Amino acid sequence: MTHTSHRTGTIESLKGDYVVLVMSARGFNDKGAAPKLVEALKILSRFNPVNMGDMKTGSVYRPGYNLKRLVKEATDTSIFHGVYTNIETVKKVLKALKEADLGMSVVVGGLFDEVKKACVETGLLPHTVLFSLGVWGRTDLLPKEHEVKDIATMCGHAMVSNALIRKLAKDVKRGKLSPEQAATTLARGCTCGIFNTERAAKLIGAFADKM
C-alpha cells in the first residue's frame, strides 16, 4: 500500500511512527471477509493505536466515527488501519494477528530495519517489501519547512493542507491551541486513519517554537 510509504522525517522521529493495515484480496478472499476484517480491527484496537480507521469510510477522528461505527459499516473490502508509536507495540499486534490466523493481508509501514526485526521476532516472513525512493521532479515546490513536510506526508492521500499546518502552528505559538489540539484538527482531514497524532503534536510544537 503506497499511501503509507512516503512519510518523511529523521530516523529518531520515524521510530515513533508505524502503520499496520489489514485487508482482503479482491477476487481472491474478499467474499465473506467482513467478519474476519472486523476481528482484525478489534485486535488493532486492543493495543491503543493513536489513530485507526477504514480507508473506505473514515477514521475515528472523523465526526461521528468510532470503533462501534467502523464495525457496523465494515464490508468485505474494508481496509482497516491502526497507527502505533513504538515497534514493541507493533510486535504485539503482529503476534495477535498471527495467532488469530484470519487469512487477511497485513501490511506494516515504518522503518525497514525495525519492521524486518519485528517480523523475524514474531516468526513472520514478509511476502513483499516496498521502498519509497523519495520525491522526484519539481522538489522546489515542496514545503521548505521540514516539519510541514513531515506532518503532511503522514496523510498518504495529501488531504492534510500545508497551509493549515502553518496556520495551526501559528495558533499554537499564540497560545490559542495546544499542539495536541492542532494535531487532532489535522487528523480529521486524513480520511483513512493513518495520520499519527502523537508524532504530529511533537512536530507542530517544534515548528511553533521556531516561528
C-alpha atoms as a PDB file:
ATOM      1  CA  MET A   1       0.000   0.000   0.000  1.00  0.00           C
ATOM      2  CA  THR A   2       1.893   3.005  -1.283  1.00  0.00           C
ATOM      3  CA  HIS A   3      -0.081   5.613   0.671  1.00  0.00           C
ATOM      4  CA  THR A   4       1.845   4.715   3.849  1.00  0.00           C
ATOM      5  CA  SER A   5       5.266   4.576   2.201  1.00  0.00           C
ATOM      6  CA  HIS A   6       6.293   8.192   1.711  1.00  0.00           C
ATOM      7  CA  ARG A   7       6.446   9.552   5.258  1.00  0.00           C
ATOM      8  CA  THR A   8       9.454  11.809   5.752  1.00  0.00           C
ATOM      9  CA  GLY A   9      11.497  12.705   8.814  1.00  0.00           C
ATOM     10  CA  THR A  10      14.531  11.831  10.852  1.00  0.00           C
ATOM     11  CA  ILE A  11      15.152   8.235  11.877  1.00  0.00           C
ATOM     12  CA  GLU A  12      14.535   9.193  15.507  1.00  0.00           C
ATOM     13  CA  SER A  13      11.179  10.763  14.645  1.00  0.00           C
ATOM     14  CA  LEU A  14      10.106   7.860  12.423  1.00  0.00           C
ATOM     15  CA  LYS A  15      10.879   5.398  15.223  1.00  0.00           C
ATOM     16  CA  GLY A  16       7.625   6.700  16.693  1.00  0.00           C
ATOM     17  CA  ASP A  17       5.514   6.090  13.608  1.00  0.00           C
ATOM     18  CA  TYR A  18       4.175   2.730  12.398  1.00  0.00           C
ATOM     19  CA  VAL A  19       1.040   1.843  10.451  1.00  0.00           C
ATOM     20  CA  VAL A  20      -0.499  -1.631  10.470  1.00  0.00           C
ATOM     21  CA  LEU A  21      -3.043  -2.264   7.731  1.00  0.00           C
ATOM     22  CA  VAL A  22      -5.347  -5.267   7.240  1.00  0.00           C
ATOM     23  CA  MET A  23      -7.335  -6.007   4.088  1.00  0.00           C
ATOM     24  CA  SER A  24      -8.728  -8.760   1.894  1.00  0.00           C
ATOM     25  CA  ALA A  25      -7.507  -9.509  -1.634  1.00  0.00           C
ATOM     26  CA  ARG A  26     -10.083  -8.553  -4.228  1.00  0.00           C
ATOM     27  CA  GLY A  27     -11.194 -11.559  -6.260  1.00  0.00           C
ATOM     28  CA  PHE A  28      -9.234 -13.962  -4.058  1.00  0.00           C
ATOM     29  CA  ASN A  29     -10.565 -13.976  -0.491  1.00  0.00           C
ATOM     30  CA  ASP A  30     -12.832 -10.932  -0.306  1.00  0.00           C
ATOM     31  CA  LYS A  31     -16.146 -12.807  -0.397  1.00  0.00           C
ATOM     32  CA  GLY A  32     -17.387 -13.055   3.189  1.00  0.00           C
ATOM     33  CA  ALA A  33     -14.287 -11.295   4.528  1.00  0.00           C
ATOM     34  CA  ALA A  34     -16.126  -8.669   6.609  1.00  0.00           C
ATOM     35  CA  PRO A  35     -16.317 -10.708   9.868  1.00  0.00           C
ATOM     36  CA  LYS A  36     -12.606 -11.537   9.643  1.00  0.00           C
ATOM     37  CA  LEU A  37     -11.731  -7.913   8.988  1.00  0.00           C
ATOM     38  CA  VAL A  38     -13.842  -6.853  11.954  1.00  0.00           C
ATOM     39  CA  GLU A  39     -11.937  -9.307  14.148  1.00  0.00           C
ATOM     40  CA  ALA A  40      -8.685  -7.811  12.848  1.00  0.00           C
ATOM     41  CA  LEU A  41      -9.952  -4.314  13.610  1.00  0.00           C
ATOM     42  CA  LYS A  42     -10.763  -5.347  17.164  1.00  0.00           C
ATOM     43  CA  ILE A  43      -7.233  -6.716  17.528  1.00  0.00           C
ATOM     44  CA  LEU A  44      -5.800  -3.418  16.248  1.00  0.00           C
ATOM     45  CA  SER A  45      -7.929  -1.508  18.756  1.00  0.00           C
ATOM     46  CA  ARG A  46      -6.744  -3.604  21.721  1.00  0.00           C
ATOM     47  CA  PHE A  47      -3.257  -2.128  21.527  1.00  0.00           C
ATOM     48  CA  ASN A  48      -4.270   1.528  21.902  1.00  0.00           C
ATOM     49  CA  PRO A  49      -3.495   2.967  18.464  1.00  0.00           C
ATOM     50  CA  VAL A  50      -3.216   6.751  18.303  1.00  0.00           C
ATOM     51  CA  ASN A  51      -5.419   6.593  15.208  1.00  0.00           C
ATOM     52  CA  MET A  52      -7.407   3.966  13.377  1.00  0.00           C
ATOM     53  CA  GLY A  53      -9.999   3.746  10.658  1.00  0.00           C
ATOM     54  CA  ASP A  54     -11.227   2.283   7.417  1.00  0.00           C
ATOM     55  CA  MET A  55      -9.973   3.812   4.186  1.00  0.00           C
ATOM     56  CA  LYS A  56     -13.457   3.139   2.774  1.00  0.00           C
ATOM     57  CA  THR A  57     -15.447   5.054   5.392  1.00  0.00           C
ATOM     58  CA  GLY A  58     -13.283   7.210   7.656  1.00  0.00           C
ATOM     59  CA  SER A  59     -11.080   7.385  10.730  1.00  0.00           C
ATOM     60  CA  VAL A  60     -12.029   7.701  14.383  1.00  0.00           C
ATOM     61  CA  TYR A  61     -11.196  11.422  14.138  1.00  0.00           C
ATOM     62  CA  ARG A  62     -13.980  11.927  11.620  1.00  0.00           C
ATOM     63  CA  PRO A  63     -17.013  13.426  13.428  1.00  0.00           C
ATOM     64  CA  GLY A  64     -19.405  10.692  14.466  1.00  0.00           C
ATOM     65  CA  TYR A  65     -16.977   7.835  13.899  1.00  0.00           C
ATOM     66  CA  ASN A  66     -15.702   5.399  16.483  1.00  0.00           C
ATOM     67  CA  LEU A  67     -14.856   1.710  16.769  1.00  0.00           C
ATOM     68  CA  LYS A  68     -18.524   0.727  17.037  1.00  0.00           C
ATOM     69  CA  ARG A  69     -19.424   2.534  13.835  1.00  0.00           C
ATOM     70  CA  LEU A  70     -16.409   1.163  11.969  1.00  0.00           C
ATOM     71  CA  VAL A  71     -17.511  -2.343  12.934  1.00  0.00           C
ATOM     72  CA  LYS A  72     -21.100  -1.650  11.886  1.00  0.00           C
ATOM     73  CA  GLU A  73     -20.083  -0.299   8.476  1.00  0.00           C
ATOM     74  CA  ALA A  74     -17.404  -2.908   7.731  1.00  0.00           C
ATOM     75  CA  THR A  75     -17.572  -4.541   4.307  1.00  0.00           C
ATOM     76  CA  ASP A  76     -15.717  -7.361   2.571  1.00  0.00           C
ATOM     77  CA  THR A  77     -13.365  -4.771   1.065  1.00  0.00           C
ATOM     78  CA  SER A  78     -12.757  -2.591   4.119  1.00  0.00           C
ATOM     79  CA  ILE A  79      -9.140  -1.557   4.627  1.00  0.00           C
ATOM     80  CA  PHE A  80      -8.523  -1.145   8.340  1.00  0.00           C
ATOM     81  CA  HIS A  81      -5.578   0.787   9.798  1.00  0.00           C
ATOM     82  CA  GLY A  82      -4.024   1.173  13.230  1.00  0.00           C
ATOM     83  CA  VAL A  83      -1.240   3.701  13.940  1.00  0.00           C
ATOM     84  CA  TYR A  84       1.284   2.979  16.697  1.00  0.00           C
ATOM     85  CA  THR A  85       4.138   4.925  18.247  1.00  0.00           C
ATOM     86  CA  ASN A  86       6.682   2.197  19.002  1.00  0.00           C
ATOM     87  CA  ILE A  87       7.871  -1.040  17.453  1.00  0.00           C
ATOM     88  CA  GLU A  88       7.321  -3.080  20.621  1.00  0.00           C
ATOM     89  CA  THR A  89       3.584  -2.484  20.338  1.00  0.00           C
ATOM     90  CA  VAL A  90       3.707  -3.402  16.651  1.00  0.00           C
ATOM     91  CA  LYS A  91       5.287  -6.743  17.606  1.00  0.00           C
ATOM     92  CA  LYS A  92       2.379  -7.428  19.974  1.00  0.00           C
ATOM     93  CA  VAL A  93      -0.118  -6.529  17.248  1.00  0.00           C
ATOM     94  CA  LEU A  94       1.587  -8.836  14.748  1.00  0.00           C
ATOM     95  CA  LYS A  95       1.727 -11.661  17.284  1.00  0.00           C
ATOM     96  CA  ALA A  96      -2.013 -11.296  17.974  1.00  0.00           C
ATOM     97  CA  LEU A  97      -2.875 -11.208  14.260  1.00  0.00           C
ATOM     98  CA  LYS A  98      -0.710 -14.261  13.643  1.00  0.00           C
ATOM     99  CA  GLU A  99      -2.433 -16.179  16.432  1.00  0.00           C
ATOM    100  CA  ALA A 100      -5.863 -15.174  15.091  1.00  0.00           C
ATOM    101  CA  ASP A 101      -4.884 -16.614  11.663  1.00  0.00           C
ATOM    102  CA  LEU A 102      -7.638 -14.724   9.825  1.00  0.00           C
ATOM    103  CA  GLY A 103      -6.196 -15.210   6.352  1.00  0.00           C
ATOM    104  CA  MET A 104      -6.199 -11.491   5.590  1.00  0.00           C
ATOM    105  CA  SER A 105      -3.312  -9.488   4.138  1.00  0.00           C
ATOM    106  CA  VAL A 106      -1.311  -7.479   6.684  1.00  0.00           C
ATOM    107  CA  VAL A 107       0.930  -4.567   5.727  1.00  0.00           C
ATOM    108  CA  VAL A 108       3.284  -2.788   8.139  1.00  0.00           C
ATOM    109  CA  GLY A 109       4.585   0.676   7.271  1.00  0.00           C
ATOM    110  CA  GLY A 110       7.654   2.029   9.053  1.00  0.00           C
ATOM    111  CA  LEU A 111      11.445   1.994   9.178  1.00  0.00           C
ATOM    112  CA  PHE A 112      12.612  -1.077   7.258  1.00  0.00           C
ATOM    113  CA  ASP A 113      15.169  -2.348   9.781  1.00  0.00           C
ATOM    114  CA  GLU A 114      12.680  -2.019  12.641  1.00  0.00           C
ATOM    115  CA  VAL A 115       9.825  -3.683  10.756  1.00  0.00           C
ATOM    116  CA  LYS A 116      12.038  -6.520   9.469  1.00  0.00           C
ATOM    117  CA  LYS A 117      13.251  -7.210  13.004  1.00  0.00           C
ATOM    118  CA  ALA A 118       9.666  -7.216  14.287  1.00  0.00           C
ATOM    119  CA  CYS A 119       8.683  -9.791  11.652  1.00  0.00           C
ATOM    120  CA  VAL A 120      11.639 -12.025  12.497  1.00  0.00           C
ATOM    121  CA  GLU A 121      10.898 -11.858  16.226  1.00  0.00           C
ATOM    122  CA  THR A 122       7.240 -12.789  15.677  1.00  0.00           C
ATOM    123  CA  GLY A 123       8.041 -15.624  13.285  1.00  0.00           C
ATOM    124  CA  LEU A 124       6.712 -13.932  10.169  1.00  0.00           C
ATOM    125  CA  LEU A 125       8.220 -13.957   6.690  1.00  0.00           C
ATOM    126  CA  PRO A 126       7.357 -10.835   4.651  1.00  0.00           C
ATOM    127  CA  HIS A 127       5.792 -11.597   1.276  1.00  0.00           C
ATOM    128  CA  THR A 128       6.728  -8.278  -0.349  1.00  0.00           C
ATOM    129  CA  VAL A 129       8.863  -5.258   0.551  1.00  0.00           C
ATOM    130  CA  LEU A 130       8.147  -1.807  -0.875  1.00  0.00           C
ATOM    131  CA  PHE A 131      10.603   1.068  -0.557  1.00  0.00           C
ATOM    132  CA  SER A 132       9.978   4.751  -1.165  1.00  0.00           C
ATOM    133  CA  LEU A 133      12.666   6.210  -3.426  1.00  0.00           C
ATOM    134  CA  GLY A 134      11.761   9.754  -2.402  1.00  0.00           C
ATOM    135  CA  VAL A 135      10.262  12.598  -4.406  1.00  0.00           C
ATOM    136  CA  TRP A 136      11.349  13.334  -7.973  1.00  0.00           C
ATOM    137  CA  GLY A 137      10.649  16.292 -10.238  1.00  0.00           C
ATOM    138  CA  ARG A 138       9.855  19.826  -9.035  1.00  0.00           C
ATOM    139  CA  THR A 139      11.113  19.343  -5.493  1.00  0.00           C
ATOM    140  CA  ASP A 140      11.447  23.136  -5.253  1.00  0.00           C
ATOM    141  CA  LEU A 141       7.661  23.208  -4.889  1.00  0.00           C
ATOM    142  CA  LEU A 142       7.761  21.136  -1.699  1.00  0.00           C
ATOM    143  CA  PRO A 143       7.401  22.871   1.684  1.00  0.00           C
ATOM    144  CA  LYS A 144      10.681  24.416   2.801  1.00  0.00           C
ATOM    145  CA  GLU A 145       9.977  23.655   6.471  1.00  0.00           C
ATOM    146  CA  HIS A 146      10.735  20.020   7.226  1.00  0.00           C
ATOM    147  CA  GLU A 147       8.088  19.941   9.954  1.00  0.00           C
ATOM    148  CA  VAL A 148       5.376  20.848   7.433  1.00  0.00           C
ATOM    149  CA  LYS A 149       6.526  18.129   5.034  1.00  0.00           C
ATOM    150  CA  ASP A 150       6.896  15.554   7.819  1.00  0.00           C
ATOM    151  CA  ILE A 151       3.348  16.245   9.033  1.00  0.00           C
ATOM    152  CA  ALA A 152       1.741  16.435   5.582  1.00  0.00           C
ATOM    153  CA  THR A 153       3.233  13.132   4.403  1.00  0.00           C
ATOM    154  CA  MET A 154       1.528  11.298   7.261  1.00  0.00           C
ATOM    155  CA  CYS A 155      -1.618  11.560   5.123  1.00  0.00           C
ATOM    156  CA  GLY A 156      -0.817   9.445   2.087  1.00  0.00           C
ATOM    157  CA  HIS A 157      -3.649  10.924   0.015  1.00  0.00           C
ATOM    158  CA  ALA A 158      -2.461  14.525   0.521  1.00  0.00           C
ATOM    159  CA  MET A 159      -5.601  15.600   2.388  1.00  0.00           C
ATOM    160  CA  VAL A 160      -3.718  17.486   5.113  1.00  0.00           C
ATOM    161  CA  SER A 161      -3.069  21.009   3.856  1.00  0.00           C
ATOM    162  CA  ASN A 162       0.370  22.620   4.148  1.00  0.00           C
ATOM    163  CA  ALA A 163      -1.336  25.966   4.672  1.00  0.00           C
ATOM    164  CA  LEU A 164      -3.454  24.577   7.515  1.00  0.00           C
ATOM    165  CA  ILE A 165      -0.366  23.138   9.197  1.00  0.00           C
ATOM    166  CA  ARG A 166       1.284  26.577   9.128  1.00  0.00           C
ATOM    167  CA  LYS A 167      -1.897  28.269  10.371  1.00  0.00           C
ATOM    168  CA  LEU A 168      -2.317  25.870  13.278  1.00  0.00           C
ATOM    169  CA  ALA A 169       1.364  26.201  14.203  1.00  0.00           C
ATOM    170  CA  LYS A 170       0.823  29.970  14.455  1.00  0.00           C
ATOM    171  CA  ASP A 171      -2.203  29.345  16.682  1.00  0.00           C
ATOM    172  CA  VAL A 172      -0.048  27.129  18.902  1.00  0.00           C
ATOM    173  CA  LYS A 173       2.613  29.847  19.004  1.00  0.00           C
ATOM    174  CA  ARG A 174      -0.019  32.413  20.081  1.00  0.00           C
ATOM    175  CA  GLY A 175      -1.374  30.097  22.769  1.00  0.00           C
ATOM    176  CA  LYS A 176      -4.747  29.633  21.076  1.00  0.00           C
ATOM    177  CA  LEU A 177      -4.288  25.870  20.754  1.00  0.00           C
ATOM    178  CA  SER A 178      -2.165  23.146  22.283  1.00  0.00           C
ATOM    179  CA  PRO A 179      -0.047  21.033  19.915  1.00  0.00           C
ATOM    180  CA  GLU A 180      -2.347  18.103  20.687  1.00  0.00           C
ATOM    181  CA  GLN A 181      -5.448  20.094  19.692  1.00  0.00           C
ATOM    182  CA  ALA A 182      -3.759  21.153  16.465  1.00  0.00           C
ATOM    183  CA  ALA A 183      -2.840  17.545  15.698  1.00  0.00           C
ATOM    184  CA  THR A 184      -6.451  16.433  16.269  1.00  0.00           C
ATOM    185  CA  THR A 185      -7.683  19.090  13.849  1.00  0.00           C
ATOM    186  CA  LEU A 186      -5.244  17.898  11.193  1.00  0.00           C
ATOM    187  CA  ALA A 187      -6.188  14.244  11.734  1.00  0.00           C
ATOM    188  CA  ARG A 188      -9.784  14.949  10.722  1.00  0.00           C
ATOM    189  CA  GLY A 189      -8.601  15.615   7.183  1.00  0.00           C
ATOM    190  CA  CYS A 190      -6.957  12.203   6.818  1.00  0.00           C
ATOM    191  CA  THR A 191      -9.964  10.051   5.968  1.00  0.00           C
ATOM    192  CA  CYS A 192      -8.429   6.593   6.112  1.00  0.00           C
ATOM    193  CA  GLY A 193      -6.854   6.957   9.541  1.00  0.00           C
ATOM    194  CA  ILE A 194      -3.096   6.652   9.021  1.00  0.00           C
ATOM    195  CA  PHE A 195      -2.251  10.091  10.468  1.00  0.00           C
ATOM    196  CA  ASN A 196      -0.108   9.845  13.613  1.00  0.00           C
ATOM    197  CA  THR A 197      -1.496  12.450  16.022  1.00  0.00           C
ATOM    198  CA  GLU A 198       1.169  11.921  18.683  1.00  0.00           C
ATOM    199  CA  ARG A 199       4.023  12.483  16.238  1.00  0.00           C
ATOM    200  CA  ALA A 200       2.167  15.407  14.649  1.00  0.00           C
ATOM    201  CA  ALA A 201       1.793  17.125  18.035  1.00  0.00           C
ATOM    202  CA  LYS A 202       5.543  16.897  18.629  1.00  0.00           C
ATOM    203  CA  LEU A 203       6.350  18.218  15.156  1.00  0.00           C
ATOM    204  CA  ILE A 204       3.868  21.076  15.249  1.00  0.00           C
ATOM    205  CA  GLY A 205       5.074  22.079  18.726  1.00  0.00           C
ATOM    206  CA  ALA A 206       8.665  22.197  17.470  1.00  0.00           C
ATOM    207  CA  PHE A 207       7.583  24.166  14.401  1.00  0.00           C
ATOM    208  CA  ALA A 208       5.700  26.680  16.553  1.00  0.00           C
ATOM    209  CA  ASP A 209       8.753  27.189  18.745  1.00  0.00           C
ATOM    210  CA  LYS A 210      10.795  28.149  15.679  1.00  0.00           C
ATOM    211  CA  MET A 211       8.317  30.781  14.475  1.00  0.00           C
END
